[in-house]
Each structure stands twice: as structure tokens, then as C-alpha cells.
Amino acid sequence: MSGHNKWTQIKHKKGAEDIKRSKLFSMLVRTINVEARLANGNREAPGLKAAIARAKAANMPLDNIERAIEKGSGAGAESFEEVVYEAYGPGGVALLIVGLTDNKNRTTPEIKHLLSKHGISLSPQGATQWAFIKKEDEWQAQNTLPLAKTEQEKLQALLEALGEHEDIKNIFHNADEIA
């Protein structure tokens, strides 16, 4: 009678939650590293302050936040850099893919491969940014495009595939509501 054990069900549920939390925490640590390096460890810098606030909102332990700040502002700090990829998705939807990576030469081909699996190719820098306005560290669509049901499904599948990549921080698009 597998699957009927209460403790096994709890273990599997907790395991799935831990995987999601781990991915979120690693992205938050990268963000804090980048902001700490840019701010030279100054905790009052707006970018670092916002990154710390996001980490606290996600219930990240304070010692993890402190280690990330020290690692980012230290001399031997890992250098993560923000990358922005642009593409046109199903139905002509503009996509902005924002990520943090320690190796741009590894991440770019991986993103190209993910996009090509869905019949999409990267666009040159600036090709889709016209469709968005940057407010703080978020991009908001200026206008939206309605999509047919099949195009919505294709876009949803693409967004899920990109969201699973460890270097992807955010994905912005200008499609109407996705079902």
C-alpha cells in the first residue's frame, strides 16, 4: 500500500518545498553578492538594502545574508554579473530574460538551447526593450498583446523551462494574461 503512509507523504512534500526554497535562496545570495560588490559592502546602498529586504521577506536566515554580504564585498569574492537576454516568443510576445551568472560563456549557450527547443532564437540587445519600462529593478510592459490559446500554452511551456534554469532571475513578457 505505497503512498498511504502519512510520514512518507510529509517527507515528499517537504522535499519538494526544500528544492524550491533552495533555488530561491541561491538566487537571493547571488543578488546580494552582486549588490554588495557594487556597494562595497555599504548596507545603506539602495540596491543592497532592497536585496536584503527581499531575502528577509523570503525568510532567509540572517547568518546566510551576512555571509553573502561578506562574500560579495570581500577581496576574493565570486563575481556574478547580471545578464539580459531578449527574444520574441510565440505570437510576437517580447521577452526579457534577466539572470545572474558567474560565467556568461556557459549561460548564453544554455539559454540559446532552451529557446531553440521552443522554436525561438535570441534577438539582438535592445530589440525588445522598447516594449518595457524599467521601474526600480523590475521591467513592466508598456502595452500587452492578446494571444490565442495555443500560443498561450507555448509561452507557458517556455516560461516554465526558462524558470527552471538556475541562472535565471526573472522573465518579463508583454503578453495578456496567461491561462
N, C-alpha and C. Protein backbone atom coordinates (compact mmCIF):
# COMPACT_ATOMS: atom_id res chain seq x y z
N MET A 1 0.82 -1.18 0.00
CA MET A 1 0.00 0.00 0.00
C MET A 1 0.87 1.25 0.00
N SER A 2 1.71 1.38 -0.99
CA SER A 2 2.59 2.54 -1.04
C SER A 2 1.79 3.81 -1.27
N GLY A 3 2.27 4.89 -0.71
CA GLY A 3 1.60 6.17 -0.85
C GLY A 3 0.56 6.43 0.22
N HIS A 4 0.35 5.48 1.10
CA HIS A 4 -0.64 5.66 2.14
C HIS A 4 -0.02 5.99 3.48
N ASN A 5 1.29 6.02 3.54
CA ASN A 5 1.99 6.30 4.78
C ASN A 5 2.06 7.82 4.96
N LYS A 6 1.55 8.30 6.06
CA LYS A 6 1.49 9.74 6.34
C LYS A 6 2.89 10.36 6.33
N TRP A 7 3.84 9.69 6.93
CA TRP A 7 5.19 10.24 7.06
C TRP A 7 5.91 10.29 5.72
N THR A 8 5.64 9.33 4.87
CA THR A 8 6.23 9.35 3.54
C THR A 8 5.69 10.53 2.74
N GLN A 9 4.40 10.77 2.86
CA GLN A 9 3.81 11.90 2.16
C GLN A 9 4.39 13.22 2.65
N ILE A 10 4.57 13.35 3.96
CA ILE A 10 5.17 14.56 4.52
C ILE A 10 6.58 14.73 4.01
N LYS A 11 7.34 13.63 3.99
CA LYS A 11 8.74 13.69 3.53
C LYS A 11 8.80 14.17 2.07
N HIS A 12 7.94 13.65 1.21
CA HIS A 12 7.96 14.05 -0.20
C HIS A 12 7.52 15.50 -0.37
N LYS A 13 6.52 15.91 0.37
CA LYS A 13 6.05 17.30 0.30
C LYS A 13 7.14 18.26 0.77
N LYS A 14 7.78 17.92 1.89
CA LYS A 14 8.85 18.77 2.43
C LYS A 14 10.04 18.81 1.47
N GLY A 15 10.34 17.68 0.85
CA GLY A 15 11.44 17.63 -0.12
C GLY A 15 11.20 18.56 -1.29
N ALA A 16 9.98 18.58 -1.79
CA ALA A 16 9.65 19.47 -2.91
C ALA A 16 9.74 20.93 -2.49
N GLU A 17 9.27 21.25 -1.29
CA GLU A 17 9.35 22.62 -0.79
C GLU A 17 10.81 23.03 -0.57
N ASP A 18 11.62 22.12 -0.08
CA ASP A 18 13.04 22.42 0.15
C ASP A 18 13.77 22.71 -1.15
N ILE A 19 13.42 22.02 -2.22
CA ILE A 19 14.05 22.27 -3.52
C ILE A 19 13.72 23.68 -4.00
N LYS A 20 12.45 24.08 -3.87
CA LYS A 20 12.05 25.43 -4.28
C LYS A 20 12.75 26.49 -3.43
N ARG A 21 12.80 26.26 -2.12
CA ARG A 21 13.44 27.22 -1.22
C ARG A 21 14.93 27.33 -1.51
N SER A 22 15.57 26.21 -1.80
CA SER A 22 17.00 26.22 -2.11
C SER A 22 17.29 27.04 -3.35
N LYS A 23 16.47 26.88 -4.38
CA LYS A 23 16.66 27.64 -5.61
C LYS A 23 16.48 29.13 -5.35
N LEU A 24 15.44 29.47 -4.58
CA LEU A 24 15.18 30.88 -4.26
C LEU A 24 16.34 31.46 -3.44
N PHE A 25 16.81 30.74 -2.43
CA PHE A 25 17.89 31.24 -1.59
C PHE A 25 19.17 31.42 -2.39
N SER A 26 19.48 30.50 -3.30
CA SER A 26 20.71 30.65 -4.08
C SER A 26 20.63 31.87 -4.98
N MET A 27 19.45 32.16 -5.55
CA MET A 27 19.31 33.36 -6.37
C MET A 27 19.41 34.61 -5.52
N LEU A 28 18.85 34.58 -4.31
CA LEU A 28 18.95 35.74 -3.42
C LEU A 28 20.39 35.97 -2.99
N VAL A 29 21.14 34.90 -2.73
CA VAL A 29 22.56 35.04 -2.35
C VAL A 29 23.34 35.67 -3.49
N ARG A 30 23.07 35.24 -4.72
CA ARG A 30 23.76 35.83 -5.88
C ARG A 30 23.44 37.31 -6.00
N THR A 31 22.17 37.66 -5.81
CA THR A 31 21.77 39.06 -5.89
C THR A 31 22.46 39.89 -4.82
N ILE A 32 22.51 39.37 -3.60
CA ILE A 32 23.19 40.08 -2.52
C ILE A 32 24.67 40.21 -2.82
N ASN A 33 25.29 39.17 -3.37
CA ASN A 33 26.72 39.23 -3.74
C ASN A 33 26.98 40.36 -4.73
N VAL A 34 26.16 40.43 -5.75
CA VAL A 34 26.34 41.46 -6.79
C VAL A 34 26.16 42.85 -6.19
N GLU A 35 25.09 43.03 -5.42
CA GLU A 35 24.81 44.34 -4.83
C GLU A 35 25.87 44.73 -3.80
N ALA A 36 26.37 43.77 -3.02
CA ALA A 36 27.41 44.07 -2.03
C ALA A 36 28.70 44.49 -2.73
N ARG A 37 29.00 43.84 -3.85
CA ARG A 37 30.21 44.21 -4.60
C ARG A 37 30.07 45.60 -5.18
N LEU A 38 28.89 45.93 -5.72
CA LEU A 38 28.66 47.27 -6.29
C LEU A 38 28.69 48.35 -5.22
N ALA A 39 28.20 48.01 -4.01
CA ALA A 39 28.11 49.00 -2.93
C ALA A 39 29.32 48.96 -2.01
N ASN A 40 30.30 48.13 -2.31
CA ASN A 40 31.49 47.97 -1.46
C ASN A 40 31.12 47.64 -0.02
N GLY A 41 30.05 46.84 0.14
CA GLY A 41 29.63 46.41 1.47
C GLY A 41 28.81 47.42 2.24
N ASN A 42 28.52 48.58 1.67
CA ASN A 42 27.72 49.60 2.34
C ASN A 42 26.26 49.15 2.39
N ARG A 43 25.80 48.83 3.59
CA ARG A 43 24.44 48.29 3.76
C ARG A 43 23.36 49.33 3.52
N GLU A 44 23.72 50.59 3.47
CA GLU A 44 22.73 51.65 3.24
C GLU A 44 22.53 51.94 1.75
N ALA A 45 23.31 51.30 0.89
CA ALA A 45 23.13 51.49 -0.55
C ALA A 45 21.76 50.93 -0.95
N PRO A 46 21.02 51.64 -1.78
CA PRO A 46 19.65 51.23 -2.09
C PRO A 46 19.53 49.82 -2.68
N GLY A 47 20.45 49.45 -3.57
CA GLY A 47 20.38 48.13 -4.19
C GLY A 47 20.59 47.01 -3.18
N LEU A 48 21.60 47.18 -2.31
CA LEU A 48 21.88 46.17 -1.30
C LEU A 48 20.77 46.12 -0.26
N LYS A 49 20.25 47.28 0.09
CA LYS A 49 19.16 47.34 1.06
C LYS A 49 17.93 46.60 0.52
N ALA A 50 17.62 46.79 -0.76
CA ALA A 50 16.47 46.12 -1.38
C ALA A 50 16.70 44.61 -1.46
N ALA A 51 17.93 44.21 -1.78
CA ALA A 51 18.24 42.78 -1.87
C ALA A 51 18.10 42.12 -0.49
N ILE A 52 18.55 42.80 0.54
CA ILE A 52 18.42 42.27 1.90
C ILE A 52 16.95 42.18 2.29
N ALA A 53 16.17 43.17 1.92
CA ALA A 53 14.73 43.16 2.24
C ALA A 53 14.03 41.99 1.55
N ARG A 54 14.40 41.71 0.28
CA ARG A 54 13.81 40.57 -0.43
C ARG A 54 14.20 39.26 0.24
N ALA A 55 15.45 39.16 0.70
CA ALA A 55 15.90 37.94 1.37
C ALA A 55 15.16 37.75 2.69
N LYS A 56 14.98 38.82 3.43
CA LYS A 56 14.24 38.72 4.69
C LYS A 56 12.78 38.36 4.45
N ALA A 57 12.20 38.89 3.38
CA ALA A 57 10.81 38.57 3.05
C ALA A 57 10.64 37.10 2.70
N ALA A 58 11.70 36.49 2.18
CA ALA A 58 11.67 35.07 1.83
C ALA A 58 12.08 34.18 3.00
N ASN A 59 12.21 34.78 4.20
CA ASN A 59 12.59 34.07 5.42
C ASN A 59 13.97 33.43 5.34
N MET A 60 14.88 34.11 4.68
CA MET A 60 16.26 33.64 4.60
C MET A 60 16.94 33.93 5.94
N PRO A 61 17.67 32.96 6.51
CA PRO A 61 18.33 33.19 7.80
C PRO A 61 19.34 34.34 7.73
N LEU A 62 19.43 35.09 8.83
CA LEU A 62 20.31 36.27 8.87
C LEU A 62 21.77 35.90 8.68
N ASP A 63 22.20 34.74 9.19
CA ASP A 63 23.61 34.38 9.01
C ASP A 63 23.92 34.11 7.54
N ASN A 64 22.96 33.61 6.78
CA ASN A 64 23.17 33.42 5.35
C ASN A 64 23.29 34.78 4.64
N ILE A 65 22.48 35.74 5.07
CA ILE A 65 22.54 37.08 4.49
C ILE A 65 23.89 37.72 4.78
N GLU A 66 24.35 37.58 6.04
CA GLU A 66 25.64 38.16 6.43
C GLU A 66 26.79 37.54 5.63
N ARG A 67 26.77 36.21 5.49
CA ARG A 67 27.82 35.54 4.71
C ARG A 67 27.82 36.00 3.26
N ALA A 68 26.63 36.18 2.70
CA ALA A 68 26.54 36.64 1.31
C ALA A 68 27.11 38.04 1.15
N ILE A 69 26.85 38.92 2.12
CA ILE A 69 27.37 40.28 2.06
C ILE A 69 28.89 40.26 2.17
N GLU A 70 29.42 39.49 3.12
CA GLU A 70 30.87 39.41 3.30
C GLU A 70 31.54 38.81 2.07
N LYS A 71 30.92 37.78 1.51
CA LYS A 71 31.48 37.13 0.33
C LYS A 71 31.49 38.08 -0.87
N GLY A 72 30.43 38.88 -1.00
CA GLY A 72 30.33 39.81 -2.12
C GLY A 72 31.25 41.00 -2.00
N SER A 73 31.50 41.46 -0.77
CA SER A 73 32.32 42.66 -0.60
C SER A 73 33.77 42.33 -0.29
N GLY A 74 34.10 41.06 -0.08
CA GLY A 74 35.47 40.67 0.22
C GLY A 74 36.37 40.71 -0.99
N ALA A 75 37.67 40.57 -0.74
CA ALA A 75 38.66 40.66 -1.82
C ALA A 75 38.57 39.46 -2.77
N GLY A 76 38.35 38.27 -2.24
CA GLY A 76 38.28 37.08 -3.07
C GLY A 76 36.87 36.72 -3.46
N ALA A 77 36.05 37.71 -3.65
CA ALA A 77 34.62 37.48 -3.90
C ALA A 77 34.39 36.87 -5.28
N GLU A 78 33.43 35.96 -5.33
CA GLU A 78 33.00 35.44 -6.61
C GLU A 78 32.34 36.58 -7.36
N SER A 79 32.59 36.66 -8.63
CA SER A 79 31.99 37.77 -9.36
C SER A 79 30.82 37.26 -10.19
N PHE A 80 29.63 37.63 -9.77
CA PHE A 80 28.43 37.36 -10.54
C PHE A 80 28.10 38.62 -11.30
N GLU A 81 27.60 38.43 -12.49
CA GLU A 81 27.19 39.59 -13.26
C GLU A 81 25.77 39.39 -13.77
N GLU A 82 25.07 40.50 -13.91
CA GLU A 82 23.70 40.43 -14.41
C GLU A 82 23.74 40.38 -15.93
N VAL A 83 22.95 39.49 -16.49
CA VAL A 83 22.84 39.37 -17.94
C VAL A 83 21.38 39.54 -18.33
N VAL A 84 21.16 40.15 -19.49
CA VAL A 84 19.80 40.34 -20.00
C VAL A 84 19.77 39.79 -21.42
N TYR A 85 18.86 38.84 -21.63
CA TYR A 85 18.67 38.26 -22.96
C TYR A 85 17.31 38.71 -23.46
N GLU A 86 17.20 38.89 -24.77
CA GLU A 86 15.96 39.35 -25.37
C GLU A 86 15.56 38.39 -26.48
N ALA A 87 14.26 38.18 -26.60
CA ALA A 87 13.74 37.29 -27.64
C ALA A 87 12.29 37.65 -27.92
N TYR A 88 11.81 37.19 -29.07
CA TYR A 88 10.39 37.28 -29.39
C TYR A 88 9.81 35.88 -29.30
N GLY A 89 8.79 35.72 -28.46
CA GLY A 89 8.18 34.42 -28.21
C GLY A 89 7.01 34.15 -29.14
N PRO A 90 6.20 33.16 -28.79
CA PRO A 90 5.03 32.81 -29.60
C PRO A 90 4.09 34.00 -29.76
N GLY A 91 3.61 34.21 -30.97
CA GLY A 91 2.67 35.30 -31.23
C GLY A 91 3.32 36.66 -31.22
N GLY A 92 4.65 36.74 -31.27
CA GLY A 92 5.34 38.03 -31.28
C GLY A 92 5.49 38.67 -29.92
N VAL A 93 5.35 37.89 -28.86
CA VAL A 93 5.48 38.41 -27.50
C VAL A 93 6.94 38.75 -27.22
N ALA A 94 7.18 39.96 -26.72
CA ALA A 94 8.53 40.39 -26.37
C ALA A 94 8.91 39.77 -25.03
N LEU A 95 10.11 39.20 -24.96
CA LEU A 95 10.61 38.57 -23.74
C LEU A 95 11.90 39.23 -23.31
N LEU A 96 12.00 39.54 -22.03
CA LEU A 96 13.24 39.99 -21.41
C LEU A 96 13.59 38.94 -20.36
N ILE A 97 14.76 38.33 -20.51
CA ILE A 97 15.19 37.27 -19.60
C ILE A 97 16.38 37.82 -18.82
N VAL A 98 16.19 38.00 -17.52
CA VAL A 98 17.22 38.58 -16.66
C VAL A 98 17.81 37.49 -15.80
N GLY A 99 19.13 37.44 -15.74
CA GLY A 99 19.78 36.40 -14.94
C GLY A 99 21.03 36.91 -14.26
N LEU A 100 21.52 36.11 -13.33
CA LEU A 100 22.80 36.35 -12.66
C LEU A 100 23.67 35.14 -12.91
N THR A 101 24.87 35.37 -13.40
CA THR A 101 25.74 34.25 -13.72
C THR A 101 27.18 34.55 -13.33
N ASP A 102 27.91 33.49 -13.06
CA ASP A 102 29.33 33.63 -12.80
C ASP A 102 30.13 33.34 -14.07
N ASN A 103 29.46 32.85 -15.11
CA ASN A 103 30.14 32.52 -16.35
C ASN A 103 29.19 32.76 -17.52
N LYS A 104 29.33 33.91 -18.14
CA LYS A 104 28.45 34.29 -19.25
C LYS A 104 28.63 33.36 -20.44
N ASN A 105 29.85 32.83 -20.62
CA ASN A 105 30.13 31.94 -21.74
C ASN A 105 29.45 30.58 -21.60
N ARG A 106 29.04 30.23 -20.40
CA ARG A 106 28.29 29.00 -20.17
C ARG A 106 26.79 29.26 -20.27
N THR A 107 26.35 30.36 -19.71
CA THR A 107 24.92 30.64 -19.61
C THR A 107 24.30 30.98 -20.97
N THR A 108 24.98 31.76 -21.78
CA THR A 108 24.40 32.18 -23.06
C THR A 108 24.06 30.99 -23.96
N PRO A 109 24.96 30.02 -24.17
CA PRO A 109 24.57 28.86 -24.99
C PRO A 109 23.43 28.04 -24.37
N GLU A 110 23.40 27.96 -23.04
CA GLU A 110 22.32 27.21 -22.39
C GLU A 110 20.97 27.88 -22.65
N ILE A 111 20.93 29.20 -22.57
CA ILE A 111 19.69 29.93 -22.83
C ILE A 111 19.31 29.81 -24.30
N LYS A 112 20.29 29.92 -25.20
CA LYS A 112 20.01 29.75 -26.62
C LYS A 112 19.42 28.37 -26.89
N HIS A 113 19.97 27.35 -26.23
CA HIS A 113 19.49 25.98 -26.43
C HIS A 113 18.05 25.83 -25.93
N LEU A 114 17.76 26.38 -24.75
CA LEU A 114 16.39 26.33 -24.21
C LEU A 114 15.40 27.01 -25.16
N LEU A 115 15.80 28.17 -25.67
CA LEU A 115 14.93 28.90 -26.59
C LEU A 115 14.74 28.13 -27.89
N SER A 116 15.81 27.55 -28.43
CA SER A 116 15.71 26.83 -29.70
C SER A 116 14.83 25.59 -29.58
N LYS A 117 14.78 24.98 -28.40
CA LYS A 117 13.88 23.83 -28.18
C LYS A 117 12.42 24.23 -28.40
N HIS A 118 12.14 25.51 -28.17
CA HIS A 118 10.77 26.01 -28.32
C HIS A 118 10.60 26.81 -29.62
N GLY A 119 11.57 26.70 -30.53
CA GLY A 119 11.46 27.36 -31.83
C GLY A 119 11.69 28.85 -31.79
N ILE A 120 12.48 29.32 -30.83
CA ILE A 120 12.73 30.75 -30.65
C ILE A 120 14.23 30.98 -30.67
N SER A 121 14.65 32.14 -31.17
CA SER A 121 16.06 32.48 -31.14
C SER A 121 16.24 33.81 -30.41
N LEU A 122 17.46 34.03 -29.93
CA LEU A 122 17.76 35.28 -29.24
C LEU A 122 17.69 36.45 -30.21
N SER A 123 17.27 37.57 -29.72
CA SER A 123 17.25 38.81 -30.50
C SER A 123 18.44 39.65 -30.08
N PRO A 124 18.84 40.59 -30.92
CA PRO A 124 19.95 41.47 -30.52
C PRO A 124 19.57 42.35 -29.33
N GLN A 125 20.58 42.86 -28.62
CA GLN A 125 20.34 43.74 -27.47
C GLN A 125 19.52 44.94 -27.92
N GLY A 126 18.50 45.28 -27.16
CA GLY A 126 17.66 46.43 -27.45
C GLY A 126 16.48 46.14 -28.35
N ALA A 127 16.38 44.91 -28.85
CA ALA A 127 15.31 44.59 -29.80
C ALA A 127 13.94 44.55 -29.14
N THR A 128 13.87 44.15 -27.88
CA THR A 128 12.55 44.05 -27.22
C THR A 128 12.41 45.03 -26.06
N GLN A 129 13.46 45.73 -25.69
CA GLN A 129 13.37 46.63 -24.55
C GLN A 129 12.41 47.79 -24.78
N TRP A 130 12.11 48.09 -26.02
CA TRP A 130 11.18 49.17 -26.32
C TRP A 130 9.80 48.88 -25.75
N ALA A 131 9.47 47.61 -25.55
CA ALA A 131 8.14 47.24 -25.08
C ALA A 131 8.00 47.30 -23.56
N PHE A 132 9.08 47.68 -22.87
CA PHE A 132 9.08 47.67 -21.41
C PHE A 132 9.58 48.98 -20.85
N ILE A 133 9.17 49.26 -19.61
CA ILE A 133 9.68 50.39 -18.85
C ILE A 133 10.30 49.82 -17.59
N LYS A 134 11.50 50.29 -17.24
CA LYS A 134 12.16 49.77 -16.04
C LYS A 134 11.78 50.65 -14.85
N LYS A 135 11.20 50.02 -13.83
CA LYS A 135 10.85 50.69 -12.58
C LYS A 135 11.58 49.96 -11.48
N GLU A 136 12.53 50.66 -10.84
CA GLU A 136 13.43 50.09 -9.84
C GLU A 136 14.17 48.92 -10.48
N ASP A 137 13.97 47.68 -10.03
CA ASP A 137 14.68 46.57 -10.67
C ASP A 137 13.71 45.64 -11.39
N GLU A 138 12.53 46.13 -11.70
CA GLU A 138 11.51 45.35 -12.41
C GLU A 138 11.22 46.01 -13.76
N TRP A 139 10.93 45.18 -14.75
CA TRP A 139 10.52 45.67 -16.05
C TRP A 139 9.01 45.49 -16.17
N GLN A 140 8.31 46.52 -16.62
CA GLN A 140 6.87 46.45 -16.79
C GLN A 140 6.53 46.71 -18.26
N ALA A 141 5.60 45.91 -18.78
CA ALA A 141 5.20 46.05 -20.18
C ALA A 141 4.45 47.36 -20.39
N GLN A 142 4.79 48.07 -21.47
CA GLN A 142 4.09 49.30 -21.80
C GLN A 142 2.71 48.99 -22.38
N ASN A 143 2.63 47.97 -23.21
CA ASN A 143 1.36 47.52 -23.76
C ASN A 143 1.41 46.01 -23.87
N THR A 144 0.25 45.39 -23.92
CA THR A 144 0.20 43.93 -23.94
C THR A 144 -0.39 43.42 -25.24
N LEU A 145 -0.05 42.17 -25.55
CA LEU A 145 -0.55 41.53 -26.76
C LEU A 145 -1.49 40.39 -26.39
N PRO A 146 -2.65 40.31 -27.03
CA PRO A 146 -3.52 39.16 -26.79
C PRO A 146 -2.97 37.94 -27.54
N LEU A 147 -3.09 36.77 -26.92
CA LEU A 147 -2.60 35.54 -27.54
C LEU A 147 -3.72 34.53 -27.67
N ALA A 148 -3.63 33.73 -28.74
CA ALA A 148 -4.57 32.62 -28.91
C ALA A 148 -4.22 31.55 -27.88
N LYS A 149 -5.15 30.63 -27.65
CA LYS A 149 -4.97 29.59 -26.63
C LYS A 149 -3.71 28.76 -26.87
N THR A 150 -3.45 28.38 -28.12
CA THR A 150 -2.27 27.55 -28.41
C THR A 150 -0.99 28.33 -28.16
N GLU A 151 -0.98 29.61 -28.52
CA GLU A 151 0.20 30.44 -28.27
C GLU A 151 0.42 30.65 -26.78
N GLN A 152 -0.67 30.77 -26.01
CA GLN A 152 -0.55 30.89 -24.56
C GLN A 152 0.10 29.65 -23.96
N GLU A 153 -0.30 28.48 -24.46
CA GLU A 153 0.27 27.22 -23.97
C GLU A 153 1.75 27.13 -24.30
N LYS A 154 2.11 27.53 -25.52
CA LYS A 154 3.53 27.51 -25.92
C LYS A 154 4.34 28.46 -25.04
N LEU A 155 3.80 29.66 -24.79
CA LEU A 155 4.50 30.63 -23.96
C LEU A 155 4.64 30.12 -22.53
N GLN A 156 3.60 29.52 -22.01
CA GLN A 156 3.65 28.96 -20.65
C GLN A 156 4.72 27.88 -20.54
N ALA A 157 4.80 27.01 -21.53
CA ALA A 157 5.82 25.95 -21.53
C ALA A 157 7.23 26.56 -21.58
N LEU A 158 7.40 27.60 -22.39
CA LEU A 158 8.69 28.28 -22.49
C LEU A 158 9.07 28.92 -21.16
N LEU A 159 8.12 29.61 -20.54
CA LEU A 159 8.38 30.28 -19.26
C LEU A 159 8.75 29.27 -18.17
N GLU A 160 8.09 28.12 -18.16
CA GLU A 160 8.42 27.08 -17.18
C GLU A 160 9.82 26.54 -17.41
N ALA A 161 10.18 26.30 -18.68
CA ALA A 161 11.51 25.78 -18.99
C ALA A 161 12.59 26.78 -18.60
N LEU A 162 12.37 28.06 -18.89
CA LEU A 162 13.35 29.07 -18.52
C LEU A 162 13.42 29.26 -17.01
N GLY A 163 12.28 29.16 -16.33
CA GLY A 163 12.24 29.33 -14.88
C GLY A 163 13.00 28.26 -14.13
N GLU A 164 13.17 27.10 -14.74
CA GLU A 164 13.91 26.01 -14.10
C GLU A 164 15.42 26.19 -14.18
N HIS A 165 15.89 27.07 -15.04
CA HIS A 165 17.33 27.30 -15.19
C HIS A 165 17.84 28.04 -13.96
N GLU A 166 18.95 27.58 -13.40
CA GLU A 166 19.45 28.13 -12.14
C GLU A 166 19.96 29.56 -12.23
N ASP A 167 20.34 30.01 -13.41
CA ASP A 167 20.89 31.36 -13.55
C ASP A 167 19.83 32.41 -13.85
N ILE A 168 18.62 32.00 -14.14
CA ILE A 168 17.55 32.94 -14.50
C ILE A 168 16.96 33.54 -13.23
N LYS A 169 16.94 34.85 -13.19
CA LYS A 169 16.41 35.58 -12.04
C LYS A 169 14.95 35.95 -12.27
N ASN A 170 14.63 36.55 -13.41
CA ASN A 170 13.27 36.98 -13.74
C ASN A 170 13.05 36.87 -15.24
N ILE A 171 11.80 36.67 -15.62
CA ILE A 171 11.40 36.66 -17.01
C ILE A 171 10.23 37.63 -17.15
N PHE A 172 10.37 38.58 -18.03
CA PHE A 172 9.31 39.57 -18.25
C PHE A 172 8.78 39.41 -19.66
N HIS A 173 7.48 39.56 -19.85
CA HIS A 173 6.88 39.46 -21.17
C HIS A 173 5.73 40.45 -21.28
N ASN A 174 5.30 40.71 -22.49
CA ASN A 174 4.22 41.67 -22.69
C ASN A 174 2.95 40.99 -23.21
N ALA A 175 2.73 39.74 -22.85
CA ALA A 175 1.51 39.03 -23.24
C ALA A 175 0.39 39.36 -22.27
N ASP A 176 -0.84 39.29 -22.78
CA ASP A 176 -2.00 39.39 -21.90
C ASP A 176 -1.95 38.22 -20.94
N GLU A 177 -2.92 38.12 -20.11
CA GLU A 177 -2.95 37.07 -19.10
C GLU A 177 -2.74 35.70 -19.72
N ILE A 178 -1.93 34.89 -19.04
CA ILE A 178 -1.65 33.54 -19.47
C ILE A 178 -2.52 32.60 -18.64
N ALA A 179 -3.23 31.70 -19.32
CA ALA A 179 -4.14 30.79 -18.61
C ALA A 179 -3.40 29.81 -17.75
